Amino acid sequence: MQKLFSEDLLTFMFVSDGSGAKREAQNYSLFTQQEWKLADVFTLVTGARYDYHSQFKGHPTFRLSGMYKVNKKYDSSRWIFRRFRAPTLKELYTDWFHPYGGGFQIIGNNNMKAEKSNNFNISSDLNFKN
């Protein structure tokens, strides 16, 4: 699978005098995921993704999860995965003064870095239905 996302935003909220400005960014993604039923009671899911953002460059991420079915009513899962998220254009470039309600200004941070995280999750499901 592949995905292309292009963000173009023209708004008066990028320049504090309200005159308007345009910002843009592109994000390209390529990903794959595969489910492996290794036994009647065990399923493994593997996945990989590569994101290329026009400002934050390339970032590989992965996913690995396994589910063990103890019986028809109970199963247990483990997941480990990595995430990437680039800041939005609004988070980076907003510069807007709101004169009403006491007056306040919202200013983005064009020095923001992309978010990266490693996650580990353990879950169990119990089905009470017949």
N, C-alpha and C. Protein backbone atom coordinates (compact mmCIF):
# COMPACT_ATOMS: atom_id res chain seq x y z
N MET A 1 0.84 -1.18 0.00
CA MET A 1 0.00 0.00 0.00
C MET A 1 0.88 1.24 0.00
N GLN A 2 0.36 2.29 -0.56
CA GLN A 2 1.06 3.56 -0.52
C GLN A 2 0.06 4.67 -0.30
N LYS A 3 0.54 5.78 0.22
CA LYS A 3 -0.34 6.90 0.53
C LYS A 3 0.42 8.18 0.25
N LEU A 4 -0.27 9.16 -0.30
CA LEU A 4 0.32 10.47 -0.56
C LEU A 4 -0.60 11.51 0.07
N PHE A 5 -0.01 12.40 0.85
CA PHE A 5 -0.79 13.45 1.50
C PHE A 5 -0.08 14.77 1.26
N SER A 6 -0.80 15.72 0.70
CA SER A 6 -0.25 17.05 0.47
C SER A 6 -1.14 18.05 1.19
N GLU A 7 -0.54 18.92 1.96
CA GLU A 7 -1.28 19.91 2.73
C GLU A 7 -0.88 21.30 2.26
N ASP A 8 -1.85 22.05 1.76
CA ASP A 8 -1.67 23.45 1.37
C ASP A 8 -2.67 24.25 2.18
N LEU A 9 -2.21 25.28 2.84
CA LEU A 9 -3.09 26.07 3.68
C LEU A 9 -2.82 27.56 3.48
N LEU A 10 -3.86 28.29 3.07
CA LEU A 10 -3.79 29.73 2.90
C LEU A 10 -4.72 30.33 3.95
N THR A 11 -4.19 31.13 4.85
CA THR A 11 -5.00 31.67 5.92
C THR A 11 -4.44 32.99 6.42
N PHE A 12 -5.32 33.81 6.97
CA PHE A 12 -4.90 35.06 7.60
C PHE A 12 -4.26 34.80 8.96
N MET A 13 -4.31 33.56 9.45
CA MET A 13 -3.79 33.25 10.79
C MET A 13 -2.30 32.90 10.79
N PHE A 14 -1.62 33.02 9.64
CA PHE A 14 -0.18 32.76 9.58
C PHE A 14 0.63 34.04 9.75
N VAL A 15 0.01 35.18 9.63
CA VAL A 15 0.71 36.46 9.77
C VAL A 15 -0.10 37.32 10.72
N SER A 16 0.51 37.83 11.78
CA SER A 16 -0.23 38.51 12.84
C SER A 16 -0.99 39.74 12.38
N ASP A 17 -0.60 40.35 11.25
CA ASP A 17 -1.35 41.53 10.78
C ASP A 17 -2.59 41.15 9.99
N GLY A 18 -2.85 39.84 9.81
CA GLY A 18 -4.06 39.38 9.15
C GLY A 18 -4.00 39.43 7.63
N SER A 19 -2.83 39.66 7.05
CA SER A 19 -2.72 39.83 5.60
C SER A 19 -2.80 38.52 4.82
N GLY A 20 -2.53 37.41 5.44
CA GLY A 20 -2.62 36.11 4.77
C GLY A 20 -1.28 35.62 4.27
N ALA A 21 -1.09 34.32 4.36
CA ALA A 21 0.14 33.68 3.89
C ALA A 21 -0.19 32.24 3.55
N LYS A 22 0.66 31.61 2.74
CA LYS A 22 0.46 30.23 2.34
C LYS A 22 1.63 29.38 2.80
N ARG A 23 1.35 28.21 3.33
CA ARG A 23 2.36 27.23 3.72
C ARG A 23 1.96 25.89 3.11
N GLU A 24 2.92 25.02 2.87
CA GLU A 24 2.61 23.72 2.30
C GLU A 24 3.58 22.66 2.81
N ALA A 25 3.13 21.41 2.77
CA ALA A 25 3.95 20.27 3.16
C ALA A 25 3.44 19.04 2.42
N GLN A 26 4.33 18.11 2.16
CA GLN A 26 3.95 16.85 1.53
C GLN A 26 4.45 15.70 2.40
N ASN A 27 3.64 14.64 2.45
CA ASN A 27 4.01 13.44 3.20
C ASN A 27 3.72 12.23 2.32
N TYR A 28 4.72 11.39 2.12
CA TYR A 28 4.59 10.17 1.33
C TYR A 28 4.77 8.99 2.28
N SER A 29 3.90 7.99 2.14
CA SER A 29 3.98 6.82 3.01
C SER A 29 3.90 5.55 2.19
N LEU A 30 4.65 4.56 2.60
CA LEU A 30 4.61 3.23 2.02
C LEU A 30 4.51 2.25 3.18
N PHE A 31 3.53 1.35 3.14
CA PHE A 31 3.37 0.45 4.28
C PHE A 31 2.88 -0.92 3.84
N THR A 32 3.14 -1.88 4.71
CA THR A 32 2.69 -3.24 4.49
C THR A 32 2.34 -3.86 5.84
N GLN A 33 1.40 -4.79 5.83
CA GLN A 33 1.02 -5.50 7.06
C GLN A 33 0.64 -6.93 6.68
N GLN A 34 1.03 -7.86 7.49
CA GLN A 34 0.74 -9.27 7.22
C GLN A 34 0.27 -9.96 8.49
N GLU A 35 -0.78 -10.75 8.40
CA GLU A 35 -1.27 -11.54 9.52
C GLU A 35 -0.87 -13.00 9.30
N TRP A 36 -0.28 -13.60 10.34
CA TRP A 36 0.20 -14.98 10.27
C TRP A 36 -0.55 -15.81 11.31
N LYS A 37 -1.34 -16.76 10.88
CA LYS A 37 -2.00 -17.68 11.82
C LYS A 37 -1.07 -18.89 11.98
N LEU A 38 -0.27 -18.86 13.05
CA LEU A 38 0.75 -19.88 13.26
C LEU A 38 0.20 -21.16 13.88
N ALA A 39 -0.93 -21.03 14.56
CA ALA A 39 -1.61 -22.18 15.16
C ALA A 39 -3.06 -21.77 15.39
N ASP A 40 -3.92 -22.71 15.70
CA ASP A 40 -5.32 -22.38 15.96
C ASP A 40 -5.47 -21.39 17.10
N VAL A 41 -4.52 -21.38 18.02
CA VAL A 41 -4.61 -20.52 19.20
C VAL A 41 -3.70 -19.31 19.16
N PHE A 42 -2.83 -19.18 18.11
CA PHE A 42 -1.88 -18.07 18.10
C PHE A 42 -1.83 -17.39 16.73
N THR A 43 -1.98 -16.06 16.75
CA THR A 43 -1.90 -15.23 15.54
C THR A 43 -0.85 -14.15 15.75
N LEU A 44 -0.02 -13.94 14.74
CA LEU A 44 1.01 -12.91 14.76
C LEU A 44 0.72 -11.92 13.64
N VAL A 45 0.86 -10.61 13.93
CA VAL A 45 0.70 -9.56 12.92
C VAL A 45 1.99 -8.76 12.87
N THR A 46 2.55 -8.63 11.67
CA THR A 46 3.75 -7.83 11.46
C THR A 46 3.42 -6.70 10.49
N GLY A 47 4.09 -5.58 10.68
CA GLY A 47 3.86 -4.45 9.79
C GLY A 47 5.06 -3.53 9.76
N ALA A 48 5.24 -2.85 8.63
CA ALA A 48 6.32 -1.88 8.49
C ALA A 48 5.78 -0.70 7.68
N ARG A 49 6.32 0.47 7.98
CA ARG A 49 5.88 1.69 7.30
C ARG A 49 7.07 2.63 7.17
N TYR A 50 7.11 3.34 6.06
CA TYR A 50 8.14 4.36 5.85
C TYR A 50 7.43 5.65 5.45
N ASP A 51 7.63 6.71 6.24
CA ASP A 51 7.06 8.03 5.95
C ASP A 51 8.19 8.95 5.51
N TYR A 52 7.93 9.71 4.46
CA TYR A 52 8.85 10.77 4.06
C TYR A 52 8.07 12.08 4.08
N HIS A 53 8.47 13.00 4.93
CA HIS A 53 7.83 14.31 5.06
C HIS A 53 8.75 15.36 4.46
N SER A 54 8.20 16.30 3.71
CA SER A 54 9.02 17.29 3.01
C SER A 54 9.89 18.12 3.96
N GLN A 55 9.48 18.30 5.19
CA GLN A 55 10.28 19.08 6.13
C GLN A 55 11.06 18.20 7.11
N PHE A 56 10.50 17.06 7.50
CA PHE A 56 11.10 16.23 8.55
C PHE A 56 11.80 14.97 8.03
N LYS A 57 11.86 14.81 6.73
CA LYS A 57 12.60 13.74 6.05
C LYS A 57 12.02 12.35 6.35
N GLY A 58 12.85 11.29 6.21
CA GLY A 58 12.36 9.92 6.28
C GLY A 58 12.34 9.33 7.68
N HIS A 59 11.29 8.52 7.95
CA HIS A 59 11.13 7.87 9.25
C HIS A 59 10.52 6.48 9.07
N PRO A 60 11.27 5.40 9.38
CA PRO A 60 10.69 4.06 9.35
C PRO A 60 10.00 3.74 10.68
N THR A 61 8.90 3.04 10.62
CA THR A 61 8.21 2.58 11.82
C THR A 61 7.81 1.11 11.62
N PHE A 62 7.47 0.43 12.71
CA PHE A 62 7.13 -0.98 12.64
C PHE A 62 6.02 -1.32 13.62
N ARG A 63 5.46 -2.51 13.45
CA ARG A 63 4.45 -3.04 14.36
C ARG A 63 4.63 -4.55 14.45
N LEU A 64 4.50 -5.05 15.65
CA LEU A 64 4.53 -6.49 15.89
C LEU A 64 3.52 -6.78 16.98
N SER A 65 2.59 -7.67 16.70
CA SER A 65 1.61 -8.03 17.73
C SER A 65 1.33 -9.52 17.66
N GLY A 66 0.96 -10.07 18.80
CA GLY A 66 0.61 -11.47 18.89
C GLY A 66 -0.60 -11.66 19.77
N MET A 67 -1.49 -12.58 19.36
CA MET A 67 -2.68 -12.87 20.16
C MET A 67 -2.73 -14.38 20.42
N TYR A 68 -2.92 -14.72 21.69
CA TYR A 68 -3.04 -16.11 22.12
C TYR A 68 -4.44 -16.34 22.65
N LYS A 69 -5.16 -17.27 22.05
CA LYS A 69 -6.53 -17.60 22.50
C LYS A 69 -6.45 -18.78 23.46
N VAL A 70 -6.71 -18.49 24.72
CA VAL A 70 -6.67 -19.53 25.75
C VAL A 70 -7.83 -20.50 25.54
N ASN A 71 -9.01 -19.94 25.31
CA ASN A 71 -10.21 -20.73 24.99
C ASN A 71 -11.18 -19.81 24.24
N LYS A 72 -12.44 -20.25 24.04
CA LYS A 72 -13.40 -19.44 23.27
C LYS A 72 -13.79 -18.16 23.98
N LYS A 73 -13.59 -18.09 25.27
CA LYS A 73 -14.02 -16.92 26.04
C LYS A 73 -12.89 -15.98 26.44
N TYR A 74 -11.64 -16.41 26.31
CA TYR A 74 -10.53 -15.60 26.81
C TYR A 74 -9.37 -15.59 25.82
N ASP A 75 -8.85 -14.38 25.56
CA ASP A 75 -7.62 -14.26 24.78
C ASP A 75 -6.74 -13.16 25.35
N SER A 76 -5.49 -13.22 25.00
CA SER A 76 -4.51 -12.26 25.50
C SER A 76 -3.65 -11.77 24.33
N SER A 77 -3.36 -10.45 24.31
CA SER A 77 -2.59 -9.86 23.21
C SER A 77 -1.40 -9.07 23.74
N ARG A 78 -0.37 -8.99 22.94
CA ARG A 78 0.81 -8.16 23.20
C ARG A 78 1.11 -7.40 21.92
N TRP A 79 1.36 -6.11 22.03
CA TRP A 79 1.71 -5.28 20.87
C TRP A 79 2.96 -4.49 21.19
N ILE A 80 3.80 -4.32 20.20
CA ILE A 80 4.90 -3.39 20.29
C ILE A 80 4.94 -2.66 18.94
N PHE A 81 5.05 -1.35 19.00
CA PHE A 81 5.07 -0.60 17.75
C PHE A 81 5.73 0.75 17.96
N ARG A 82 6.13 1.35 16.86
CA ARG A 82 6.78 2.66 16.86
C ARG A 82 5.89 3.60 16.07
N ARG A 83 5.82 4.86 16.50
CA ARG A 83 4.98 5.85 15.83
C ARG A 83 5.79 7.07 15.42
N PHE A 84 5.28 7.74 14.38
CA PHE A 84 5.84 9.00 13.89
C PHE A 84 4.69 9.93 13.56
N ARG A 85 4.80 11.19 13.97
CA ARG A 85 3.80 12.19 13.61
C ARG A 85 4.50 13.53 13.41
N ALA A 86 4.30 14.10 12.22
CA ALA A 86 4.86 15.42 11.92
C ALA A 86 3.88 16.49 12.42
N PRO A 87 4.38 17.61 12.91
CA PRO A 87 3.49 18.71 13.31
C PRO A 87 2.68 19.22 12.11
N THR A 88 1.48 19.69 12.36
CA THR A 88 0.66 20.27 11.30
C THR A 88 1.16 21.67 10.95
N LEU A 89 0.72 22.17 9.83
CA LEU A 89 1.09 23.53 9.43
C LEU A 89 0.61 24.56 10.46
N LYS A 90 -0.55 24.33 11.04
CA LYS A 90 -1.05 25.25 12.07
C LYS A 90 -0.17 25.24 13.31
N GLU A 91 0.29 24.05 13.72
CA GLU A 91 1.17 23.96 14.90
C GLU A 91 2.50 24.66 14.65
N LEU A 92 2.97 24.64 13.41
CA LEU A 92 4.26 25.23 13.08
C LEU A 92 4.19 26.74 12.86
N TYR A 93 3.16 27.22 12.14
CA TYR A 93 3.23 28.57 11.60
C TYR A 93 2.15 29.55 12.06
N THR A 94 1.19 29.13 12.87
CA THR A 94 0.15 30.07 13.29
C THR A 94 0.75 31.28 13.99
N ASP A 95 0.26 32.46 13.62
CA ASP A 95 0.64 33.72 14.28
C ASP A 95 -0.60 34.61 14.17
N TRP A 96 -1.45 34.53 15.18
CA TRP A 96 -2.77 35.15 15.09
C TRP A 96 -3.12 35.87 16.39
N PHE A 97 -3.53 37.10 16.25
CA PHE A 97 -3.96 37.89 17.41
C PHE A 97 -5.47 38.00 17.41
N HIS A 98 -6.09 37.67 18.53
CA HIS A 98 -7.54 37.75 18.69
C HIS A 98 -7.84 38.95 19.59
N PRO A 99 -8.37 40.05 19.02
CA PRO A 99 -8.54 41.28 19.80
C PRO A 99 -9.71 41.25 20.78
N TYR A 100 -10.63 40.32 20.62
CA TYR A 100 -11.83 40.29 21.47
C TYR A 100 -11.62 39.37 22.67
N GLY A 101 -12.43 39.53 23.68
CA GLY A 101 -12.35 38.67 24.86
C GLY A 101 -11.08 38.91 25.67
N GLY A 102 -10.62 40.14 25.72
CA GLY A 102 -9.41 40.46 26.48
C GLY A 102 -8.16 40.47 25.63
N GLY A 103 -8.25 39.98 24.42
CA GLY A 103 -7.11 39.96 23.52
C GLY A 103 -6.10 38.88 23.88
N PHE A 104 -5.82 38.02 22.95
CA PHE A 104 -4.78 37.00 23.16
C PHE A 104 -4.17 36.68 21.81
N GLN A 105 -2.98 36.10 21.84
CA GLN A 105 -2.28 35.75 20.63
C GLN A 105 -1.91 34.28 20.66
N ILE A 106 -2.09 33.62 19.52
CA ILE A 106 -1.70 32.22 19.36
C ILE A 106 -0.52 32.20 18.39
N ILE A 107 0.60 31.66 18.84
CA ILE A 107 1.80 31.62 18.02
C ILE A 107 2.29 30.18 17.93
N GLY A 108 2.46 29.70 16.70
CA GLY A 108 3.01 28.37 16.48
C GLY A 108 4.50 28.35 16.76
N ASN A 109 5.08 27.19 16.68
CA ASN A 109 6.51 27.04 16.93
C ASN A 109 7.14 26.38 15.70
N ASN A 110 7.80 27.18 14.85
CA ASN A 110 8.38 26.60 13.64
C ASN A 110 9.68 25.85 13.92
N ASN A 111 10.06 25.71 15.19
CA ASN A 111 11.20 24.88 15.58
C ASN A 111 10.76 23.52 16.12
N MET A 112 9.45 23.22 16.04
CA MET A 112 8.95 21.93 16.54
C MET A 112 9.61 20.78 15.80
N LYS A 113 9.80 19.70 16.49
CA LYS A 113 10.34 18.47 15.92
C LYS A 113 9.20 17.48 15.72
N ALA A 114 9.41 16.52 14.87
CA ALA A 114 8.43 15.45 14.68
C ALA A 114 8.37 14.59 15.95
N GLU A 115 7.19 14.05 16.23
CA GLU A 115 7.02 13.18 17.40
C GLU A 115 7.35 11.75 17.02
N LYS A 116 8.14 11.09 17.85
CA LYS A 116 8.46 9.68 17.69
C LYS A 116 8.22 9.00 19.03
N SER A 117 7.61 7.83 19.01
CA SER A 117 7.38 7.13 20.26
C SER A 117 7.47 5.63 20.05
N ASN A 118 7.87 4.94 21.10
CA ASN A 118 7.87 3.48 21.14
C ASN A 118 6.78 3.06 22.12
N ASN A 119 5.95 2.13 21.72
CA ASN A 119 4.80 1.73 22.52
C ASN A 119 4.79 0.22 22.76
N PHE A 120 4.36 -0.16 23.95
CA PHE A 120 4.17 -1.56 24.31
C PHE A 120 2.83 -1.68 25.01
N ASN A 121 2.02 -2.62 24.60
CA ASN A 121 0.66 -2.76 25.13
C ASN A 121 0.39 -4.23 25.43
N ILE A 122 -0.23 -4.47 26.57
CA ILE A 122 -0.68 -5.82 26.95
C ILE A 122 -2.18 -5.72 27.21
N SER A 123 -2.94 -6.63 26.62
CA SER A 123 -4.39 -6.61 26.87
C SER A 123 -4.92 -8.04 26.97
N SER A 124 -6.05 -8.15 27.65
CA SER A 124 -6.77 -9.42 27.77
C SER A 124 -8.23 -9.16 27.54
N ASP A 125 -8.89 -10.09 26.89
CA ASP A 125 -10.32 -9.98 26.62
C ASP A 125 -11.02 -11.21 27.17
N LEU A 126 -12.14 -10.96 27.85
CA LEU A 126 -12.96 -12.02 28.40
C LEU A 126 -14.37 -11.82 27.88
N ASN A 127 -14.93 -12.85 27.23
CA ASN A 127 -16.25 -12.79 26.64
C ASN A 127 -17.25 -13.51 27.56
N PHE A 128 -18.24 -12.77 28.05
CA PHE A 128 -19.23 -13.35 28.97
C PHE A 128 -20.45 -13.91 28.23
N LYS A 129 -20.53 -13.75 26.91
CA LYS A 129 -21.68 -14.24 26.16
C LYS A 129 -21.60 -15.75 25.97
N ASN A 130 -22.76 -16.38 25.78
CA ASN A 130 -22.79 -17.84 25.54
C ASN A 130 -22.34 -18.17 24.16
